[in-house]
Amino acid sequence: MEHLSIHLAEKALMGGAVQFRWMYPIERYLSTLKNLHQMKLSKTKPRASRREIDRLHSETFHEWFKNYINGEEEASSSNCYSEEIKQLANGPTPYKMYYNSCIS
């Protein structure tokens, strides 16, 4: 336990303040968007069960999220998003890197 203060100080120097390393703000934001998407699905398919809505949400959220953040959805046209959210919405980069060997 006596080394805890030393290790915490090292981590703070390496990564900055803890609020800048946490995923909570992004998770909270994505939770809000999840609810928005599920409400939209419920309105377009009023007779669907909760299980069907959850399945549709799992299958279509990535496309809806991308369209929503990029302004193709009508509700998001006036919002300004951080670069991290835009990168998250657009998915992984299509570029691949290959290495012939490993240097250890």
PDB file of N, CA and C in Angstrom:
ATOM      1  N   MET A   1       0.804  -1.201   0.000  1.00  0.00           N
ATOM      2  CA  MET A   1       0.000   0.000   0.000  1.00  0.00           C
ATOM      3  C   MET A   1       0.847   1.264   0.000  1.00  0.00           C
ATOM      4  N   GLU A   2       2.031   1.191   0.549  1.00  0.00           N
ATOM      5  CA  GLU A   2       2.836   2.403   0.621  1.00  0.00           C
ATOM      6  C   GLU A   2       3.286   2.884  -0.750  1.00  0.00           C
ATOM      7  N   HIS A   3       3.278   1.980  -1.731  1.00  0.00           N
ATOM      8  CA  HIS A   3       3.698   2.370  -3.079  1.00  0.00           C
ATOM      9  C   HIS A   3       2.544   2.917  -3.918  1.00  0.00           C
ATOM     10  N   LEU A   4       1.339   2.866  -3.384  1.00  0.00           N
ATOM     11  CA  LEU A   4       0.174   3.321  -4.132  1.00  0.00           C
ATOM     12  C   LEU A   4       0.300   4.777  -4.550  1.00  0.00           C
ATOM     13  N   SER A   5       0.745   5.629  -3.645  1.00  0.00           N
ATOM     14  CA  SER A   5       0.863   7.054  -3.985  1.00  0.00           C
ATOM     15  C   SER A   5       1.902   7.278  -5.076  1.00  0.00           C
ATOM     16  N   ILE A   6       2.949   6.464  -5.107  1.00  0.00           N
ATOM     17  CA  ILE A   6       3.968   6.589  -6.151  1.00  0.00           C
ATOM     18  C   ILE A   6       3.388   6.168  -7.498  1.00  0.00           C
ATOM     19  N   HIS A   7       2.675   5.037  -7.522  1.00  0.00           N
ATOM     20  CA  HIS A   7       2.119   4.535  -8.773  1.00  0.00           C
ATOM     21  C   HIS A   7       1.006   5.430  -9.305  1.00  0.00           C
ATOM     22  N   LEU A   8       0.194   5.983  -8.426  1.00  0.00           N
ATOM     23  CA  LEU A   8      -0.859   6.888  -8.877  1.00  0.00           C
ATOM     24  C   LEU A   8      -0.276   8.148  -9.504  1.00  0.00           C
ATOM     25  N   ALA A   9       0.798   8.652  -8.911  1.00  0.00           N
ATOM     26  CA  ALA A   9       1.436   9.840  -9.478  1.00  0.00           C
ATOM     27  C   ALA A   9       2.031   9.531 -10.850  1.00  0.00           C
ATOM     28  N   GLU A  10       2.634   8.352 -11.004  1.00  0.00           N
ATOM     29  CA  GLU A  10       3.182   7.957 -12.310  1.00  0.00           C
ATOM     30  C   GLU A  10       2.086   7.852 -13.356  1.00  0.00           C
ATOM     31  N   LYS A  11       0.959   7.221 -12.986  1.00  0.00           N
ATOM     32  CA  LYS A  11      -0.163   7.079 -13.921  1.00  0.00           C
ATOM     33  C   LYS A  11      -0.729   8.444 -14.306  1.00  0.00           C
ATOM     34  N   ALA A  12      -0.813   9.342 -13.361  1.00  0.00           N
ATOM     35  CA  ALA A  12      -1.327  10.681 -13.655  1.00  0.00           C
ATOM     36  C   ALA A  12      -0.405  11.425 -14.612  1.00  0.00           C
ATOM     37  N   LEU A  13       0.894  11.250 -14.451  1.00  0.00           N
ATOM     38  CA  LEU A  13       1.844  11.896 -15.362  1.00  0.00           C
ATOM     39  C   LEU A  13       1.770  11.282 -16.758  1.00  0.00           C
ATOM     40  N   MET A  14       1.578   9.974 -16.827  1.00  0.00           N
ATOM     41  CA  MET A  14       1.528   9.301 -18.134  1.00  0.00           C
ATOM     42  C   MET A  14       0.246   9.606 -18.895  1.00  0.00           C
ATOM     43  N   GLY A  15      -0.897   9.563 -18.199  1.00  0.00           N
ATOM     44  CA  GLY A  15      -2.166   9.677 -18.896  1.00  0.00           C
ATOM     45  C   GLY A  15      -2.943  10.932 -18.640  1.00  0.00           C
ATOM     46  N   GLY A  16      -2.480  11.782 -17.771  1.00  0.00           N
ATOM     47  CA  GLY A  16      -3.226  12.978 -17.448  1.00  0.00           C
ATOM     48  C   GLY A  16      -4.291  12.684 -16.410  1.00  0.00           C
ATOM     49  N   ALA A  17      -5.161  13.616 -16.220  1.00  0.00           N
ATOM     50  CA  ALA A  17      -6.216  13.468 -15.230  1.00  0.00           C
ATOM     51  C   ALA A  17      -7.140  12.314 -15.604  1.00  0.00           C
ATOM     52  N   VAL A  18      -7.683  11.657 -14.599  1.00  0.00           N
ATOM     53  CA  VAL A  18      -8.465  10.445 -14.829  1.00  0.00           C
ATOM     54  C   VAL A  18      -9.735  10.722 -15.638  1.00  0.00           C
ATOM     55  N   GLN A  19     -10.332  11.884 -15.518  1.00  0.00           N
ATOM     56  CA  GLN A  19     -11.558  12.154 -16.268  1.00  0.00           C
ATOM     57  C   GLN A  19     -11.323  12.176 -17.776  1.00  0.00           C
ATOM     58  N   PHE A  20     -10.064  12.349 -18.207  1.00  0.00           N
ATOM     59  CA  PHE A  20      -9.768  12.346 -19.629  1.00  0.00           C
ATOM     60  C   PHE A  20      -9.467  10.945 -20.155  1.00  0.00           C
ATOM     61  N   ARG A  21      -9.355   9.969 -19.260  1.00  0.00           N
ATOM     62  CA  ARG A  21      -9.090   8.594 -19.674  1.00  0.00           C
ATOM     63  C   ARG A  21     -10.310   7.704 -19.532  1.00  0.00           C
ATOM     64  N   TRP A  22     -11.311   8.120 -18.822  1.00  0.00           N
ATOM     65  CA  TRP A  22     -12.497   7.311 -18.602  1.00  0.00           C
ATOM     66  C   TRP A  22     -13.357   7.265 -19.857  1.00  0.00           C
ATOM     67  N   MET A  23     -14.084   6.189 -19.989  1.00  0.00           N
ATOM     68  CA  MET A  23     -15.015   6.032 -21.102  1.00  0.00           C
ATOM     69  C   MET A  23     -16.442   6.421 -20.706  1.00  0.00           C
ATOM     70  N   TYR A  24     -16.659   6.800 -19.446  1.00  0.00           N
ATOM     71  CA  TYR A  24     -18.012   7.078 -18.982  1.00  0.00           C
ATOM     72  C   TYR A  24     -18.755   8.116 -19.823  1.00  0.00           C
ATOM     73  N   PRO A  25     -18.157   9.241 -20.190  1.00  0.00           N
ATOM     74  CA  PRO A  25     -18.914  10.211 -20.996  1.00  0.00           C
ATOM     75  C   PRO A  25     -19.365   9.638 -22.336  1.00  0.00           C
ATOM     76  N   ILE A  26     -18.499   8.878 -22.985  1.00  0.00           N
ATOM     77  CA  ILE A  26     -18.864   8.290 -24.282  1.00  0.00           C
ATOM     78  C   ILE A  26     -19.920   7.221 -24.090  1.00  0.00           C
ATOM     79  N   GLU A  27     -19.776   6.389 -23.046  1.00  0.00           N
ATOM     80  CA  GLU A  27     -20.773   5.358 -22.782  1.00  0.00           C
ATOM     81  C   GLU A  27     -22.128   5.979 -22.462  1.00  0.00           C
ATOM     82  N   ARG A  28     -22.127   7.053 -21.696  1.00  0.00           N
ATOM     83  CA  ARG A  28     -23.374   7.731 -21.361  1.00  0.00           C
ATOM     84  C   ARG A  28     -24.018   8.306 -22.628  1.00  0.00           C
ATOM     85  N   TYR A  29     -23.201   8.876 -23.491  1.00  0.00           N
ATOM     86  CA  TYR A  29     -23.706   9.438 -24.747  1.00  0.00           C
ATOM     87  C   TYR A  29     -24.266   8.338 -25.644  1.00  0.00           C
ATOM     88  N   LEU A  30     -23.551   7.216 -25.745  1.00  0.00           N
ATOM     89  CA  LEU A  30     -24.019   6.109 -26.576  1.00  0.00           C
ATOM     90  C   LEU A  30     -25.291   5.490 -26.017  1.00  0.00           C
ATOM     91  N   SER A  31     -25.430   5.484 -24.701  1.00  0.00           N
ATOM     92  CA  SER A  31     -26.653   4.981 -24.092  1.00  0.00           C
ATOM     93  C   SER A  31     -27.845   5.854 -24.484  1.00  0.00           C
ATOM     94  N   THR A  32     -27.645   7.152 -24.514  1.00  0.00           N
ATOM     95  CA  THR A  32     -28.700   8.073 -24.940  1.00  0.00           C
ATOM     96  C   THR A  32     -29.068   7.830 -26.399  1.00  0.00           C
ATOM     97  N   LEU A  33     -28.053   7.639 -27.243  1.00  0.00           N
ATOM     98  CA  LEU A  33     -28.325   7.364 -28.657  1.00  0.00           C
ATOM     99  C   LEU A  33     -29.001   6.017 -28.845  1.00  0.00           C
ATOM    100  N   LYS A  34     -28.639   5.037 -28.036  1.00  0.00           N
ATOM    101  CA  LYS A  34     -29.289   3.724 -28.102  1.00  0.00           C
ATOM    102  C   LYS A  34     -30.779   3.870 -27.830  1.00  0.00           C
ATOM    103  N   ASN A  35     -31.127   4.627 -26.783  1.00  0.00           N
ATOM    104  CA  ASN A  35     -32.538   4.844 -26.455  1.00  0.00           C
ATOM    105  C   ASN A  35     -33.257   5.576 -27.577  1.00  0.00           C
ATOM    106  N   LEU A  36     -32.608   6.558 -28.184  1.00  0.00           N
ATOM    107  CA  LEU A  36     -33.199   7.296 -29.300  1.00  0.00           C
ATOM    108  C   LEU A  36     -33.464   6.376 -30.487  1.00  0.00           C
ATOM    109  N   HIS A  37     -32.502   5.516 -30.795  1.00  0.00           N
ATOM    110  CA  HIS A  37     -32.656   4.577 -31.910  1.00  0.00           C
ATOM    111  C   HIS A  37     -33.777   3.578 -31.634  1.00  0.00           C
ATOM    112  N   GLN A  38     -33.847   3.059 -30.408  1.00  0.00           N
ATOM    113  CA  GLN A  38     -34.900   2.108 -30.071  1.00  0.00           C
ATOM    114  C   GLN A  38     -36.277   2.755 -30.109  1.00  0.00           C
ATOM    115  N   MET A  39     -36.372   4.015 -29.700  1.00  0.00           N
ATOM    116  CA  MET A  39     -37.658   4.713 -29.791  1.00  0.00           C
ATOM    117  C   MET A  39     -38.080   4.885 -31.241  1.00  0.00           C
ATOM    118  N   LYS A  40     -37.116   5.204 -32.111  1.00  0.00           N
ATOM    119  CA  LYS A  40     -37.423   5.360 -33.528  1.00  0.00           C
ATOM    120  C   LYS A  40     -37.879   4.032 -34.129  1.00  0.00           C
ATOM    121  N   LEU A  41     -37.215   2.946 -33.745  1.00  0.00           N
ATOM    122  CA  LEU A  41     -37.625   1.626 -34.223  1.00  0.00           C
ATOM    123  C   LEU A  41     -39.020   1.267 -33.724  1.00  0.00           C
ATOM    124  N   SER A  42     -39.322   1.616 -32.487  1.00  0.00           N
ATOM    125  CA  SER A  42     -40.643   1.339 -31.919  1.00  0.00           C
ATOM    126  C   SER A  42     -41.738   2.085 -32.666  1.00  0.00           C
ATOM    127  N   LYS A  43     -41.425   3.290 -33.111  1.00  0.00           N
ATOM    128  CA  LYS A  43     -42.417   4.076 -33.861  1.00  0.00           C
ATOM    129  C   LYS A  43     -42.616   3.534 -35.276  1.00  0.00           C
ATOM    130  N   THR A  44     -41.548   3.059 -35.897  1.00  0.00           N
ATOM    131  CA  THR A  44     -41.681   2.538 -37.259  1.00  0.00           C
ATOM    132  C   THR A  44     -42.282   1.136 -37.279  1.00  0.00           C
ATOM    133  N   LYS A  45     -42.130   0.390 -36.182  1.00  0.00           N
ATOM    134  CA  LYS A  45     -42.699  -0.956 -36.083  1.00  0.00           C
ATOM    135  C   LYS A  45     -43.473  -1.060 -34.775  1.00  0.00           C
ATOM    136  N   PRO A  46     -44.676  -0.476 -34.724  1.00  0.00           N
ATOM    137  CA  PRO A  46     -45.419  -0.405 -33.468  1.00  0.00           C
ATOM    138  C   PRO A  46     -45.872  -1.764 -32.927  1.00  0.00           C
ATOM    139  N   ARG A  47     -46.012  -2.761 -33.773  1.00  0.00           N
ATOM    140  CA  ARG A  47     -46.483  -4.071 -33.315  1.00  0.00           C
ATOM    141  C   ARG A  47     -45.344  -5.018 -32.932  1.00  0.00           C
ATOM    142  N   ALA A  48     -44.119  -4.574 -33.070  1.00  0.00           N
ATOM    143  CA  ALA A  48     -42.970  -5.436 -32.768  1.00  0.00           C
ATOM    144  C   ALA A  48     -42.806  -5.589 -31.251  1.00  0.00           C
ATOM    145  N   SER A  49     -42.406  -6.780 -30.845  1.00  0.00           N
ATOM    146  CA  SER A  49     -42.162  -7.032 -29.423  1.00  0.00           C
ATOM    147  C   SER A  49     -40.841  -6.392 -29.005  1.00  0.00           C
ATOM    148  N   ARG A  50     -40.624  -6.353 -27.704  1.00  0.00           N
ATOM    149  CA  ARG A  50     -39.382  -5.779 -27.169  1.00  0.00           C
ATOM    150  C   ARG A  50     -38.176  -6.566 -27.674  1.00  0.00           C
ATOM    151  N   ARG A  51     -38.338  -7.871 -27.766  1.00  0.00           N
ATOM    152  CA  ARG A  51     -37.244  -8.726 -28.245  1.00  0.00           C
ATOM    153  C   ARG A  51     -36.917  -8.429 -29.713  1.00  0.00           C
ATOM    154  N   GLU A  52     -37.948  -8.228 -30.522  1.00  0.00           N
ATOM    155  CA  GLU A  52     -37.719  -7.885 -31.939  1.00  0.00           C
ATOM    156  C   GLU A  52     -37.049  -6.521 -32.084  1.00  0.00           C
ATOM    157  N   ILE A  53     -37.468  -5.573 -31.257  1.00  0.00           N
ATOM    158  CA  ILE A  53     -36.851  -4.240 -31.286  1.00  0.00           C
ATOM    159  C   ILE A  53     -35.375  -4.339 -30.907  1.00  0.00           C
ATOM    160  N   ASP A  54     -35.069  -5.127 -29.879  1.00  0.00           N
ATOM    161  CA  ASP A  54     -33.671  -5.309 -29.479  1.00  0.00           C
ATOM    162  C   ASP A  54     -32.850  -5.961 -30.586  1.00  0.00           C
ATOM    163  N   ARG A  55     -33.425  -6.935 -31.276  1.00  0.00           N
ATOM    164  CA  ARG A  55     -32.717  -7.594 -32.377  1.00  0.00           C
ATOM    165  C   ARG A  55     -32.475  -6.607 -33.520  1.00  0.00           C
ATOM    166  N   LEU A  56     -33.498  -5.848 -33.876  1.00  0.00           N
ATOM    167  CA  LEU A  56     -33.343  -4.843 -34.935  1.00  0.00           C
ATOM    168  C   LEU A  56     -32.318  -3.782 -34.544  1.00  0.00           C
ATOM    169  N   HIS A  57     -32.349  -3.404 -33.288  1.00  0.00           N
ATOM    170  CA  HIS A  57     -31.373  -2.415 -32.810  1.00  0.00           C
ATOM    171  C   HIS A  57     -29.952  -2.952 -32.971  1.00  0.00           C
ATOM    172  N   SER A  58     -29.736  -4.199 -32.585  1.00  0.00           N
ATOM    173  CA  SER A  58     -28.398  -4.797 -32.703  1.00  0.00           C
ATOM    174  C   SER A  58     -27.935  -4.882 -34.150  1.00  0.00           C
ATOM    175  N   GLU A  59     -28.855  -5.124 -35.048  1.00  0.00           N
ATOM    176  CA  GLU A  59     -28.501  -5.281 -36.457  1.00  0.00           C
ATOM    177  C   GLU A  59     -28.313  -3.959 -37.190  1.00  0.00           C
ATOM    178  N   THR A  60     -28.998  -2.908 -36.760  1.00  0.00           N
ATOM    179  CA  THR A  60     -29.005  -1.674 -37.554  1.00  0.00           C
ATOM    180  C   THR A  60     -28.387  -0.459 -36.873  1.00  0.00           C
ATOM    181  N   PHE A  61     -27.976  -0.582 -35.606  1.00  0.00           N
ATOM    182  CA  PHE A  61     -27.496   0.599 -34.885  1.00  0.00           C
ATOM    183  C   PHE A  61     -26.261   1.213 -35.520  1.00  0.00           C
ATOM    184  N   HIS A  62     -25.335   0.392 -35.987  1.00  0.00           N
ATOM    185  CA  HIS A  62     -24.086   0.933 -36.534  1.00  0.00           C
ATOM    186  C   HIS A  62     -24.341   1.840 -37.739  1.00  0.00           C
ATOM    187  N   GLU A  63     -25.254   1.434 -38.629  1.00  0.00           N
ATOM    188  CA  GLU A  63     -25.568   2.273 -39.794  1.00  0.00           C
ATOM    189  C   GLU A  63     -26.326   3.529 -39.377  1.00  0.00           C
ATOM    190  N   TRP A  64     -27.284   3.361 -38.483  1.00  0.00           N
ATOM    191  CA  TRP A  64     -28.050   4.508 -38.013  1.00  0.00           C
ATOM    192  C   TRP A  64     -27.140   5.517 -37.308  1.00  0.00           C
ATOM    193  N   PHE A  65     -26.231   5.017 -36.467  1.00  0.00           N
ATOM    194  CA  PHE A  65     -25.296   5.884 -35.735  1.00  0.00           C
ATOM    195  C   PHE A  65     -24.421   6.666 -36.696  1.00  0.00           C
ATOM    196  N   LYS A  66     -23.912   6.004 -37.712  1.00  0.00           N
ATOM    197  CA  LYS A  66     -23.080   6.672 -38.714  1.00  0.00           C
ATOM    198  C   LYS A  66     -23.870   7.770 -39.422  1.00  0.00           C
ATOM    199  N   ASN A  67     -25.087   7.467 -39.842  1.00  0.00           N
ATOM    200  CA  ASN A  67     -25.928   8.454 -40.526  1.00  0.00           C
ATOM    201  C   ASN A  67     -26.311   9.600 -39.598  1.00  0.00           C
ATOM    202  N   TYR A  68     -26.578   9.280 -38.350  1.00  0.00           N
ATOM    203  CA  TYR A  68     -26.973  10.296 -37.382  1.00  0.00           C
ATOM    204  C   TYR A  68     -25.840  11.286 -37.120  1.00  0.00           C
ATOM    205  N   ILE A  69     -24.652  10.784 -36.894  1.00  0.00           N
ATOM    206  CA  ILE A  69     -23.505  11.648 -36.603  1.00  0.00           C
ATOM    207  C   ILE A  69     -23.081  12.448 -37.826  1.00  0.00           C
ATOM    208  N   ASN A  70     -23.152  11.851 -39.010  1.00  0.00           N
ATOM    209  CA  ASN A  70     -22.745  12.547 -40.222  1.00  0.00           C
ATOM    210  C   ASN A  70     -23.809  13.510 -40.745  1.00  0.00           C
ATOM    211  N   GLY A  71     -24.923  13.650 -40.026  1.00  0.00           N
ATOM    212  CA  GLY A  71     -25.933  14.641 -40.379  1.00  0.00           C
ATOM    213  C   GLY A  71     -26.947  14.185 -41.393  1.00  0.00           C
ATOM    214  N   GLU A  72     -26.977  12.896 -41.707  1.00  0.00           N
ATOM    215  CA  GLU A  72     -27.948  12.393 -42.671  1.00  0.00           C
ATOM    216  C   GLU A  72     -29.309  12.153 -42.031  1.00  0.00           C
ATOM    217  N   GLU A  73     -29.355  12.096 -40.706  1.00  0.00           N
ATOM    218  CA  GLU A  73     -30.624  12.010 -39.977  1.00  0.00           C
ATOM    219  C   GLU A  73     -31.082  13.431 -39.684  1.00  0.00           C
ATOM    220  N   GLU A  74     -32.370  13.675 -39.762  1.00  0.00           N
ATOM    221  CA  GLU A  74     -32.893  15.023 -39.612  1.00  0.00           C
ATOM    222  C   GLU A  74     -32.703  15.587 -38.211  1.00  0.00           C
ATOM    223  N   ALA A  75     -32.663  14.772 -37.182  1.00  0.00           N
ATOM    224  CA  ALA A  75     -32.592  15.277 -35.809  1.00  0.00           C
ATOM    225  C   ALA A  75     -31.198  15.772 -35.427  1.00  0.00           C
ATOM    226  N   SER A  76     -30.179  15.379 -36.171  1.00  0.00           N
ATOM    227  CA  SER A  76     -28.823  15.722 -35.743  1.00  0.00           C
ATOM    228  C   SER A  76     -28.185  16.847 -36.544  1.00  0.00           C
ATOM    229  N   SER A  77     -28.912  17.497 -37.403  1.00  0.00           N
ATOM    230  CA  SER A  77     -28.302  18.468 -38.311  1.00  0.00           C
ATOM    231  C   SER A  77     -27.701  19.671 -37.594  1.00  0.00           C
ATOM    232  N   SER A  78     -28.210  20.024 -36.413  1.00  0.00           N
ATOM    233  CA  SER A  78     -27.691  21.203 -35.729  1.00  0.00           C
ATOM    234  C   SER A  78     -26.659  20.872 -34.658  1.00  0.00           C
ATOM    235  N   ASN A  79     -26.349  19.596 -34.459  1.00  0.00           N
ATOM    236  CA  ASN A  79     -25.415  19.207 -33.400  1.00  0.00           C
ATOM    237  C   ASN A  79     -23.980  19.233 -33.894  1.00  0.00           C
ATOM    238  N   CYS A  80     -23.085  19.528 -32.974  1.00  0.00           N
ATOM    239  CA  CYS A  80     -21.658  19.526 -33.250  1.00  0.00           C
ATOM    240  C   CYS A  80     -21.036  18.427 -32.396  1.00  0.00           C
ATOM    241  N   TYR A  81     -20.303  17.524 -33.005  1.00  0.00           N
ATOM    242  CA  TYR A  81     -19.766  16.368 -32.300  1.00  0.00           C
ATOM    243  C   TYR A  81     -18.250  16.435 -32.234  1.00  0.00           C
ATOM    244  N   SER A  82     -17.708  15.804 -31.195  1.00  0.00           N
ATOM    245  CA  SER A  82     -16.261  15.774 -31.037  1.00  0.00           C
ATOM    246  C   SER A  82     -15.656  14.863 -32.102  1.00  0.00           C
ATOM    247  N   GLU A  83     -14.373  15.016 -32.290  1.00  0.00           N
ATOM    248  CA  GLU A  83     -13.667  14.210 -33.290  1.00  0.00           C
ATOM    249  C   GLU A  83     -13.698  12.729 -32.922  1.00  0.00           C
ATOM    250  N   GLU A  84     -13.659  12.410 -31.629  1.00  0.00           N
ATOM    251  CA  GLU A  84     -13.710  11.015 -31.186  1.00  0.00           C
ATOM    252  C   GLU A  84     -15.034  10.365 -31.565  1.00  0.00           C
ATOM    253  N   ILE A  85     -16.137  11.085 -31.384  1.00  0.00           N
ATOM    254  CA  ILE A  85     -17.454  10.542 -31.714  1.00  0.00           C
ATOM    255  C   ILE A  85     -17.563  10.334 -33.224  1.00  0.00           C
ATOM    256  N   LYS A  86     -17.046  11.281 -34.006  1.00  0.00           N
ATOM    257  CA  LYS A  86     -17.089  11.133 -35.461  1.00  0.00           C
ATOM    258  C   LYS A  86     -16.275   9.928 -35.919  1.00  0.00           C
ATOM    259  N   GLN A  87     -15.099   9.735 -35.318  1.00  0.00           N
ATOM    260  CA  GLN A  87     -14.278   8.586 -35.674  1.00  0.00           C
ATOM    261  C   GLN A  87     -14.951   7.288 -35.262  1.00  0.00           C
ATOM    262  N   LEU A  88     -15.580   7.289 -34.103  1.00  0.00           N
ATOM    263  CA  LEU A  88     -16.295   6.105 -33.644  1.00  0.00           C
ATOM    264  C   LEU A  88     -17.452   5.769 -34.579  1.00  0.00           C
ATOM    265  N   ALA A  89     -18.163   6.783 -35.042  1.00  0.00           N
ATOM    266  CA  ALA A  89     -19.299   6.549 -35.937  1.00  0.00           C
ATOM    267  C   ALA A  89     -18.864   6.029 -37.300  1.00  0.00           C
ATOM    268  N   ASN A  90     -17.733   6.476 -37.790  1.00  0.00           N
ATOM    269  CA  ASN A  90     -17.287   6.061 -39.119  1.00  0.00           C
ATOM    270  C   ASN A  90     -16.597   4.710 -39.134  1.00  0.00           C
ATOM    271  N   GLY A  91     -16.375   4.117 -37.979  1.00  0.00           N
ATOM    272  CA  GLY A  91     -15.837   2.761 -37.904  1.00  0.00           C
ATOM    273  C   GLY A  91     -14.334   2.711 -38.077  1.00  0.00           C
ATOM    274  N   PRO A  92     -13.810   1.498 -38.136  1.00  0.00           N
ATOM    275  CA  PRO A  92     -12.359   1.339 -38.243  1.00  0.00           C
ATOM    276  C   PRO A  92     -11.835   1.793 -39.603  1.00  0.00           C
ATOM    277  N   THR A  93     -10.580   2.117 -39.640  1.00  0.00           N
ATOM    278  CA  THR A  93      -9.947   2.540 -40.881  1.00  0.00           C
ATOM    279  C   THR A  93      -9.823   1.357 -41.843  1.00  0.00           C
ATOM    280  N   PRO A  94      -9.988   1.574 -43.109  1.00  0.00           N
ATOM    281  CA  PRO A  94      -9.895   0.466 -44.063  1.00  0.00           C
ATOM    282  C   PRO A  94      -8.459   0.066 -44.395  1.00  0.00           C
ATOM    283  N   TYR A  95      -7.490   0.811 -43.893  1.00  0.00           N
ATOM    284  CA  TYR A  95      -6.095   0.533 -44.208  1.00  0.00           C
ATOM    285  C   TYR A  95      -5.553  -0.549 -43.295  1.00  0.00           C
ATOM    286  N   LYS A  96      -4.762  -1.431 -43.865  1.00  0.00           N
ATOM    287  CA  LYS A  96      -4.178  -2.526 -43.109  1.00  0.00           C
ATOM    288  C   LYS A  96      -2.671  -2.429 -43.184  1.00  0.00           C
ATOM    289  N   MET A  97      -2.032  -2.856 -42.114  1.00  0.00           N
ATOM    290  CA  MET A  97      -0.579  -2.882 -42.098  1.00  0.00           C
ATOM    291  C   MET A  97      -0.134  -4.321 -41.885  1.00  0.00           C
ATOM    292  N   TYR A  98       0.832  -4.744 -42.666  1.00  0.00           N
ATOM    293  CA  TYR A  98       1.370  -6.092 -42.549  1.00  0.00           C
ATOM    294  C   TYR A  98       2.858  -6.019 -42.257  1.00  0.00           C
ATOM    295  N   TYR A  99       3.298  -6.893 -41.426  1.00  0.00           N
ATOM    296  CA  TYR A  99       4.721  -6.970 -41.099  1.00  0.00           C
ATOM    297  C   TYR A  99       5.215  -8.384 -41.396  1.00  0.00           C
ATOM    298  N   ASN A 100       6.407  -8.478 -41.951  1.00  0.00           N
ATOM    299  CA  ASN A 100       6.979  -9.782 -42.271  1.00  0.00           C
ATOM    300  C   ASN A 100       7.686 -10.411 -41.096  1.00  0.00           C
ATOM    301  N   SER A 101       8.004  -9.623 -40.098  1.00  0.00           N
ATOM    302  CA  SER A 101       8.730 -10.174 -38.957  1.00  0.00           C
ATOM    303  C   SER A 101       8.359  -9.413 -37.700  1.00  0.00           C
ATOM    304  N   CYS A 102       8.837  -9.928 -36.594  1.00  0.00           N
ATOM    305  CA  CYS A 102       8.585  -9.311 -35.283  1.00  0.00           C
ATOM    306  C   CYS A 102       9.943  -9.025 -34.651  1.00  0.00           C
ATOM    307  N   ILE A 103      10.118  -7.801 -34.214  1.00  0.00           N
ATOM    308  CA  ILE A 103      11.361  -7.421 -33.546  1.00  0.00           C
ATOM    309  C   ILE A 103      11.073  -7.366 -32.057  1.00  0.00           C
ATOM    310  N   SER A 104      11.791  -8.155 -31.297  1.00  0.00           N
ATOM    311  CA  SER A 104      11.536  -8.162 -29.861  1.00  0.00           C
ATOM    312  C   SER A 104      12.736  -7.656 -29.078  1.00  0.00           C
TER     313      SER A 104
END
